[in-house]
Amino acid sequence: MPFQLEDWFPVFLSLRVAVIAVFLVTCLGLPLSRLLARREFYGKDFVEAALTLPLVLPPSVIGWFADVNRYKNGLFGRLLSDLGLTLIFTWWAAILASTVVAFPLMYQSAKAAFKSVDENYEKAARTLGAGEWRIFFTVTLPLAWPGIIAGLVLSFARALGEFGATLMVAGNIPGQTQTVPLAIYFAVESGDNATAQTLVAIITIFSFAVIFWVNWWAKRRNY
């Protein structure tokens, strides 16, 4: 069977989910990684372990935690019910799953990047009267940018390839929640190898192009 127009839906959905997930993990990960890279406080080890836990948990376990909260006896489920909102088995659930599994990669990369920045530059900026926000955007962030870019690429790749947690919280609904990994798996299961091969080729070429561009950009930036 030739590749139909509706067969492109998983590609567009996966890209949309991955882009939004990366935006969310960046907004959440940069402040947290900057804070934990520079501050010491009681319970820091516990916080860091909790933030990186999705990195080692099986995706099905992450999906189970999210899936439990769809019921009204779950805290998140009660909140959504009170607001009249539905998250589970929508494409927003796919974003939730991708954000959770991609966050540790962004957090770890950004924290390592911030730790590599010499604090003397920041101290010098404070001596000259710069505020913390100005120091962050004009001193710390530019110096840590290569590591942050690496975190963005890893997070994007992880969000793009998320399967287990997405299946549990968003389901596999063609035309609604079916991402590329789900479409490939179920195409193979149904014997539609042509669709599976086409989707594999599309997502492989796209992922390679993104990684190639980032490497090229990083090299040009260092010249």
C-alpha atoms as a PDB file:
ATOM      1  CA  MET A   1       0.000   0.000   0.000  1.00  0.00           C
ATOM      2  CA  PRO A   2       1.476   3.411  -0.964  1.00  0.00           C
ATOM      3  CA  PHE A   3       2.185   5.966   1.755  1.00  0.00           C
ATOM      4  CA  GLN A   4      -1.028   7.964   2.181  1.00  0.00           C
ATOM      5  CA  LEU A   5      -1.480  11.542   3.380  1.00  0.00           C
ATOM      6  CA  GLU A   6      -2.992  10.374   6.678  1.00  0.00           C
ATOM      7  CA  ASP A   7       0.141   8.279   7.267  1.00  0.00           C
ATOM      8  CA  TRP A   8       2.042  11.527   7.806  1.00  0.00           C
ATOM      9  CA  PHE A   9      -0.009  12.348  10.904  1.00  0.00           C
ATOM     10  CA  PRO A  10       2.281  10.419  13.312  1.00  0.00           C
ATOM     11  CA  VAL A  11       5.291  12.322  11.943  1.00  0.00           C
ATOM     12  CA  PHE A  12       3.702  15.729  12.426  1.00  0.00           C
ATOM     13  CA  LEU A  13       2.366  14.770  15.855  1.00  0.00           C
ATOM     14  CA  SER A  14       5.724  13.401  17.031  1.00  0.00           C
ATOM     15  CA  LEU A  15       7.502  16.578  15.944  1.00  0.00           C
ATOM     16  CA  ARG A  16       4.914  18.764  17.641  1.00  0.00           C
ATOM     17  CA  VAL A  17       5.062  16.730  20.845  1.00  0.00           C
ATOM     18  CA  ALA A  18       8.879  16.725  20.870  1.00  0.00           C
ATOM     19  CA  VAL A  19       9.156  20.482  20.262  1.00  0.00           C
ATOM     20  CA  ILE A  20       6.666  21.350  23.021  1.00  0.00           C
ATOM     21  CA  ALA A  21       8.272  18.844  25.393  1.00  0.00           C
ATOM     22  CA  VAL A  22      11.720  20.348  24.779  1.00  0.00           C
ATOM     23  CA  PHE A  23      10.328  23.827  25.401  1.00  0.00           C
ATOM     24  CA  LEU A  24       8.847  22.665  28.713  1.00  0.00           C
ATOM     25  CA  VAL A  25      11.963  20.823  29.892  1.00  0.00           C
ATOM     26  CA  THR A  26      14.056  23.870  29.000  1.00  0.00           C
ATOM     27  CA  CYS A  27      11.821  26.217  30.990  1.00  0.00           C
ATOM     28  CA  LEU A  28      11.867  23.835  33.948  1.00  0.00           C
ATOM     29  CA  GLY A  29      15.369  22.447  33.623  1.00  0.00           C
ATOM     30  CA  LEU A  30      17.461  25.606  33.242  1.00  0.00           C
ATOM     31  CA  PRO A  31      16.390  27.308  36.501  1.00  0.00           C
ATOM     32  CA  LEU A  32      16.559  24.062  38.498  1.00  0.00           C
ATOM     33  CA  SER A  33      19.918  23.004  37.091  1.00  0.00           C
ATOM     34  CA  ARG A  34      21.360  26.491  37.681  1.00  0.00           C
ATOM     35  CA  LEU A  35      20.081  26.487  41.264  1.00  0.00           C
ATOM     36  CA  LEU A  36      21.356  23.021  42.107  1.00  0.00           C
ATOM     37  CA  ALA A  37      24.699  23.610  40.395  1.00  0.00           C
ATOM     38  CA  ARG A  38      25.444  26.616  42.599  1.00  0.00           C
ATOM     39  CA  ARG A  39      23.552  26.047  45.856  1.00  0.00           C
ATOM     40  CA  GLU A  40      24.030  23.613  48.728  1.00  0.00           C
ATOM     41  CA  PHE A  41      21.113  22.889  51.052  1.00  0.00           C
ATOM     42  CA  TYR A  42      19.733  20.167  53.265  1.00  0.00           C
ATOM     43  CA  GLY A  43      17.970  17.508  51.197  1.00  0.00           C
ATOM     44  CA  LYS A  44      19.710  18.411  47.936  1.00  0.00           C
ATOM     45  CA  ASP A  45      20.663  14.788  47.255  1.00  0.00           C
ATOM     46  CA  PHE A  46      17.035  13.740  47.635  1.00  0.00           C
ATOM     47  CA  VAL A  47      15.868  16.463  45.217  1.00  0.00           C
ATOM     48  CA  GLU A  48      18.493  15.517  42.623  1.00  0.00           C
ATOM     49  CA  ALA A  49      17.582  11.838  42.909  1.00  0.00           C
ATOM     50  CA  ALA A  50      13.901  12.656  42.381  1.00  0.00           C
ATOM     51  CA  LEU A  51      14.660  14.831  39.332  1.00  0.00           C
ATOM     52  CA  THR A  52      16.762  12.145  37.653  1.00  0.00           C
ATOM     53  CA  LEU A  53      14.562   9.187  38.634  1.00  0.00           C
ATOM     54  CA  PRO A  54      12.700   9.063  35.267  1.00  0.00           C
ATOM     55  CA  LEU A  55      16.067   8.430  33.625  1.00  0.00           C
ATOM     56  CA  VAL A  56      16.353   4.983  35.209  1.00  0.00           C
ATOM     57  CA  LEU A  57      12.711   4.002  35.633  1.00  0.00           C
ATOM     58  CA  PRO A  58      11.191   1.878  32.846  1.00  0.00           C
ATOM     59  CA  PRO A  59       8.821   3.975  30.691  1.00  0.00           C
ATOM     60  CA  SER A  60       5.970   1.647  31.625  1.00  0.00           C
ATOM     61  CA  VAL A  61       6.471   2.553  35.297  1.00  0.00           C
ATOM     62  CA  ILE A  62       6.368   6.258  34.469  1.00  0.00           C
ATOM     63  CA  GLY A  63       3.240   5.638  32.441  1.00  0.00           C
ATOM     64  CA  TRP A  64       1.697   3.764  35.356  1.00  0.00           C
ATOM     65  CA  PHE A  65       2.277   6.675  37.737  1.00  0.00           C
ATOM     66  CA  ALA A  66       0.646   9.056  35.273  1.00  0.00           C
ATOM     67  CA  ASP A  67      -2.132   6.604  34.447  1.00  0.00           C
ATOM     68  CA  VAL A  68      -3.091   6.138  38.104  1.00  0.00           C
ATOM     69  CA  ASN A  69      -3.836   9.844  38.352  1.00  0.00           C
ATOM     70  CA  ARG A  70      -6.505   9.705  35.680  1.00  0.00           C
ATOM     71  CA  TYR A  71      -8.886   8.228  38.197  1.00  0.00           C
ATOM     72  CA  LYS A  72     -10.862  10.488  40.464  1.00  0.00           C
ATOM     73  CA  ASN A  73      -9.146   9.134  43.570  1.00  0.00           C
ATOM     74  CA  GLY A  74      -5.822  10.428  42.273  1.00  0.00           C
ATOM     75  CA  LEU A  75      -4.721  13.940  43.216  1.00  0.00           C
ATOM     76  CA  PHE A  76      -4.066  14.975  39.621  1.00  0.00           C
ATOM     77  CA  GLY A  77      -7.228  13.255  38.471  1.00  0.00           C
ATOM     78  CA  ARG A  78      -9.341  15.096  41.045  1.00  0.00           C
ATOM     79  CA  LEU A  79      -7.810  18.418  40.028  1.00  0.00           C
ATOM     80  CA  LEU A  80      -8.524  17.842  36.338  1.00  0.00           C
ATOM     81  CA  SER A  81     -12.036  16.621  37.135  1.00  0.00           C
ATOM     82  CA  ASP A  82     -12.755  19.764  39.161  1.00  0.00           C
ATOM     83  CA  LEU A  83     -11.551  21.891  36.255  1.00  0.00           C
ATOM     84  CA  GLY A  84     -13.570  19.868  33.758  1.00  0.00           C
ATOM     85  CA  LEU A  85     -10.451  18.892  31.802  1.00  0.00           C
ATOM     86  CA  THR A  86      -9.422  15.614  30.205  1.00  0.00           C
ATOM     87  CA  LEU A  87      -5.762  14.794  29.752  1.00  0.00           C
ATOM     88  CA  ILE A  88      -5.487  11.020  29.451  1.00  0.00           C
ATOM     89  CA  PHE A  89      -5.854   9.626  25.907  1.00  0.00           C
ATOM     90  CA  THR A  90      -5.235  13.022  24.312  1.00  0.00           C
ATOM     91  CA  TRP A  91      -2.119  14.283  22.548  1.00  0.00           C
ATOM     92  CA  TRP A  92      -1.438  16.452  25.592  1.00  0.00           C
ATOM     93  CA  ALA A  93      -0.862  13.229  27.506  1.00  0.00           C
ATOM     94  CA  ALA A  94       1.842  12.382  24.967  1.00  0.00           C
ATOM     95  CA  ILE A  95       3.461  15.740  25.732  1.00  0.00           C
ATOM     96  CA  LEU A  96       3.296  14.960  29.457  1.00  0.00           C
ATOM     97  CA  ALA A  97       4.955  11.570  28.960  1.00  0.00           C
ATOM     98  CA  SER A  98       7.672  12.967  26.693  1.00  0.00           C
ATOM     99  CA  THR A  99       8.381  15.854  29.054  1.00  0.00           C
ATOM    100  CA  VAL A 100       8.793  13.568  32.048  1.00  0.00           C
ATOM    101  CA  VAL A 101      11.184  11.150  30.330  1.00  0.00           C
ATOM    102  CA  ALA A 102      13.195  13.888  28.580  1.00  0.00           C
ATOM    103  CA  PHE A 103      13.596  16.187  31.585  1.00  0.00           C
ATOM    104  CA  PRO A 104      16.487  14.311  33.304  1.00  0.00           C
ATOM    105  CA  LEU A 105      18.624  14.538  30.169  1.00  0.00           C
ATOM    106  CA  MET A 106      18.170  18.297  29.960  1.00  0.00           C
ATOM    107  CA  TYR A 107      18.677  18.715  33.687  1.00  0.00           C
ATOM    108  CA  GLN A 108      21.880  16.655  33.851  1.00  0.00           C
ATOM    109  CA  SER A 109      23.430  18.299  30.782  1.00  0.00           C
ATOM    110  CA  ALA A 110      22.550  21.819  31.899  1.00  0.00           C
ATOM    111  CA  LYS A 111      23.775  21.229  35.451  1.00  0.00           C
ATOM    112  CA  ALA A 112      27.126  19.937  34.173  1.00  0.00           C
ATOM    113  CA  ALA A 113      27.357  22.948  31.839  1.00  0.00           C
ATOM    114  CA  PHE A 114      26.662  25.416  34.640  1.00  0.00           C
ATOM    115  CA  LYS A 115      29.169  23.704  36.927  1.00  0.00           C
ATOM    116  CA  SER A 116      31.837  24.067  34.234  1.00  0.00           C
ATOM    117  CA  VAL A 117      31.448  27.854  34.228  1.00  0.00           C
ATOM    118  CA  ASP A 118      34.138  29.557  36.301  1.00  0.00           C
ATOM    119  CA  GLU A 119      32.410  31.305  39.199  1.00  0.00           C
ATOM    120  CA  ASN A 120      35.019  34.071  39.093  1.00  0.00           C
ATOM    121  CA  TYR A 121      33.323  35.482  35.982  1.00  0.00           C
ATOM    122  CA  GLU A 122      30.057  35.728  37.872  1.00  0.00           C
ATOM    123  CA  LYS A 123      31.759  37.253  40.905  1.00  0.00           C
ATOM    124  CA  ALA A 124      33.425  39.845  38.686  1.00  0.00           C
ATOM    125  CA  ALA A 125      30.059  40.762  37.187  1.00  0.00           C
ATOM    126  CA  ARG A 126      28.564  41.160  40.677  1.00  0.00           C
ATOM    127  CA  THR A 127      31.483  43.386  41.656  1.00  0.00           C
ATOM    128  CA  LEU A 128      30.654  45.611  38.696  1.00  0.00           C
ATOM    129  CA  GLY A 129      27.071  45.919  39.939  1.00  0.00           C
ATOM    130  CA  ALA A 130      25.268  43.472  37.646  1.00  0.00           C
ATOM    131  CA  GLY A 131      22.112  41.828  39.001  1.00  0.00           C
ATOM    132  CA  GLU A 132      21.579  38.064  39.132  1.00  0.00           C
ATOM    133  CA  TRP A 133      19.307  37.946  36.081  1.00  0.00           C
ATOM    134  CA  ARG A 134      21.751  40.003  34.014  1.00  0.00           C
ATOM    135  CA  ILE A 135      24.628  37.801  35.132  1.00  0.00           C
ATOM    136  CA  PHE A 136      22.673  34.702  34.152  1.00  0.00           C
ATOM    137  CA  PHE A 137      21.781  35.903  30.648  1.00  0.00           C
ATOM    138  CA  THR A 138      25.000  37.749  29.769  1.00  0.00           C
ATOM    139  CA  VAL A 139      27.676  35.694  31.557  1.00  0.00           C
ATOM    140  CA  THR A 140      26.555  32.252  32.725  1.00  0.00           C
ATOM    141  CA  LEU A 141      24.228  31.247  29.889  1.00  0.00           C
ATOM    142  CA  PRO A 142      26.600  32.128  26.998  1.00  0.00           C
ATOM    143  CA  LEU A 143      29.444  30.200  28.652  1.00  0.00           C
ATOM    144  CA  ALA A 144      27.248  27.180  29.392  1.00  0.00           C
ATOM    145  CA  TRP A 145      25.487  27.248  26.012  1.00  0.00           C
ATOM    146  CA  PRO A 146      27.341  24.323  24.327  1.00  0.00           C
ATOM    147  CA  GLY A 147      26.356  21.956  27.150  1.00  0.00           C
ATOM    148  CA  ILE A 148      22.793  23.238  27.120  1.00  0.00           C
ATOM    149  CA  ILE A 149      22.557  22.651  23.368  1.00  0.00           C
ATOM    150  CA  ALA A 150      23.681  19.066  23.963  1.00  0.00           C
ATOM    151  CA  GLY A 151      20.901  18.719  26.520  1.00  0.00           C
ATOM    152  CA  LEU A 152      18.372  20.125  24.061  1.00  0.00           C
ATOM    153  CA  VAL A 153      19.385  17.615  21.388  1.00  0.00           C
ATOM    154  CA  LEU A 154      19.284  14.674  23.795  1.00  0.00           C
ATOM    155  CA  SER A 155      15.911  15.782  25.168  1.00  0.00           C
ATOM    156  CA  PHE A 156      14.486  16.194  21.677  1.00  0.00           C
ATOM    157  CA  ALA A 157      15.687  12.754  20.629  1.00  0.00           C
ATOM    158  CA  ARG A 158      14.271  11.187  23.798  1.00  0.00           C
ATOM    159  CA  ALA A 159      10.914  12.927  23.392  1.00  0.00           C
ATOM    160  CA  LEU A 160      10.753  11.986  19.722  1.00  0.00           C
ATOM    161  CA  GLY A 161      11.339   8.312  20.457  1.00  0.00           C
ATOM    162  CA  GLU A 162       9.168   7.933  23.561  1.00  0.00           C
ATOM    163  CA  PHE A 163       7.008   4.799  23.385  1.00  0.00           C
ATOM    164  CA  GLY A 164       6.075   3.056  26.646  1.00  0.00           C
ATOM    165  CA  ALA A 165       4.800   5.931  28.761  1.00  0.00           C
ATOM    166  CA  THR A 166       3.036   7.483  25.765  1.00  0.00           C
ATOM    167  CA  LEU A 167       1.213   4.245  25.023  1.00  0.00           C
ATOM    168  CA  MET A 168      -0.053   3.990  28.594  1.00  0.00           C
ATOM    169  CA  VAL A 169      -1.235   7.577  29.085  1.00  0.00           C
ATOM    170  CA  ALA A 170      -2.123   8.652  25.542  1.00  0.00           C
ATOM    171  CA  GLY A 171      -2.982   5.350  23.922  1.00  0.00           C
ATOM    172  CA  ASN A 172      -2.611   4.483  20.263  1.00  0.00           C
ATOM    173  CA  ILE A 173      -5.474   6.338  18.596  1.00  0.00           C
ATOM    174  CA  PRO A 174      -4.824   6.840  14.854  1.00  0.00           C
ATOM    175  CA  GLY A 175      -5.285  10.449  13.869  1.00  0.00           C
ATOM    176  CA  GLN A 176      -5.284  11.620  17.503  1.00  0.00           C
ATOM    177  CA  THR A 177      -2.502  10.266  19.705  1.00  0.00           C
ATOM    178  CA  GLN A 178      -0.501   7.934  17.460  1.00  0.00           C
ATOM    179  CA  THR A 179       3.127   9.044  17.367  1.00  0.00           C
ATOM    180  CA  VAL A 180       5.807   7.625  15.073  1.00  0.00           C
ATOM    181  CA  PRO A 181       7.122   4.972  17.524  1.00  0.00           C
ATOM    182  CA  LEU A 182       3.573   3.736  18.119  1.00  0.00           C
ATOM    183  CA  ALA A 183       2.751   3.805  14.403  1.00  0.00           C
ATOM    184  CA  ILE A 184       5.879   1.803  13.567  1.00  0.00           C
ATOM    185  CA  TYR A 185       5.222  -0.801  16.250  1.00  0.00           C
ATOM    186  CA  PHE A 186       1.602  -1.380  15.302  1.00  0.00           C
ATOM    187  CA  ALA A 187       2.384  -1.303  11.569  1.00  0.00           C
ATOM    188  CA  VAL A 188       4.868  -4.137  12.111  1.00  0.00           C
ATOM    189  CA  GLU A 189       2.358  -5.975  14.314  1.00  0.00           C
ATOM    190  CA  SER A 190      -0.276  -5.756  11.569  1.00  0.00           C
ATOM    191  CA  GLY A 191       2.157  -6.821   8.848  1.00  0.00           C
ATOM    192  CA  ASP A 192       2.253  -3.413   7.127  1.00  0.00           C
ATOM    193  CA  ASN A 193       6.005  -3.426   6.611  1.00  0.00           C
ATOM    194  CA  ALA A 194       5.895  -0.783   3.868  1.00  0.00           C
ATOM    195  CA  THR A 195       4.441   1.847   6.212  1.00  0.00           C
ATOM    196  CA  ALA A 196       6.820   0.834   8.983  1.00  0.00           C
ATOM    197  CA  GLN A 197       9.855   1.110   6.697  1.00  0.00           C
ATOM    198  CA  THR A 198       8.757   4.511   5.399  1.00  0.00           C
ATOM    199  CA  LEU A 199       8.225   5.884   8.899  1.00  0.00           C
ATOM    200  CA  VAL A 200      11.561   4.480  10.066  1.00  0.00           C
ATOM    201  CA  ALA A 201      13.308   6.132   7.111  1.00  0.00           C
ATOM    202  CA  ILE A 202      11.580   9.493   7.707  1.00  0.00           C
ATOM    203  CA  ILE A 203      12.316   9.673  11.411  1.00  0.00           C
ATOM    204  CA  THR A 204      15.905   8.417  10.963  1.00  0.00           C
ATOM    205  CA  ILE A 205      16.682  11.011   8.275  1.00  0.00           C
ATOM    206  CA  PHE A 206      15.112  13.801  10.293  1.00  0.00           C
ATOM    207  CA  SER A 207      16.923  12.849  13.512  1.00  0.00           C
ATOM    208  CA  PHE A 208      20.232  12.577  11.654  1.00  0.00           C
ATOM    209  CA  ALA A 209      19.685  15.997  10.066  1.00  0.00           C
ATOM    210  CA  VAL A 210      19.020  17.607  13.453  1.00  0.00           C
ATOM    211  CA  ILE A 211      22.125  16.071  15.055  1.00  0.00           C
ATOM    212  CA  PHE A 212      24.265  16.946  12.014  1.00  0.00           C
ATOM    213  CA  TRP A 213      23.106  20.568  12.085  1.00  0.00           C
ATOM    214  CA  VAL A 214      23.784  20.918  15.814  1.00  0.00           C
ATOM    215  CA  ASN A 215      27.304  19.521  15.441  1.00  0.00           C
ATOM    216  CA  TRP A 216      27.948  21.824  12.473  1.00  0.00           C
ATOM    217  CA  TRP A 217      26.623  24.826  14.391  1.00  0.00           C
ATOM    218  CA  ALA A 218      28.729  24.002  17.457  1.00  0.00           C
ATOM    219  CA  LYS A 219      31.912  23.753  15.382  1.00  0.00           C
ATOM    220  CA  ARG A 220      31.235  27.078  13.635  1.00  0.00           C
ATOM    221  CA  ARG A 221      30.582  28.709  16.997  1.00  0.00           C
ATOM    222  CA  ASN A 222      33.942  27.565  18.331  1.00  0.00           C
ATOM    223  CA  TYR A 223      35.867  29.086  15.416  1.00  0.00           C
END
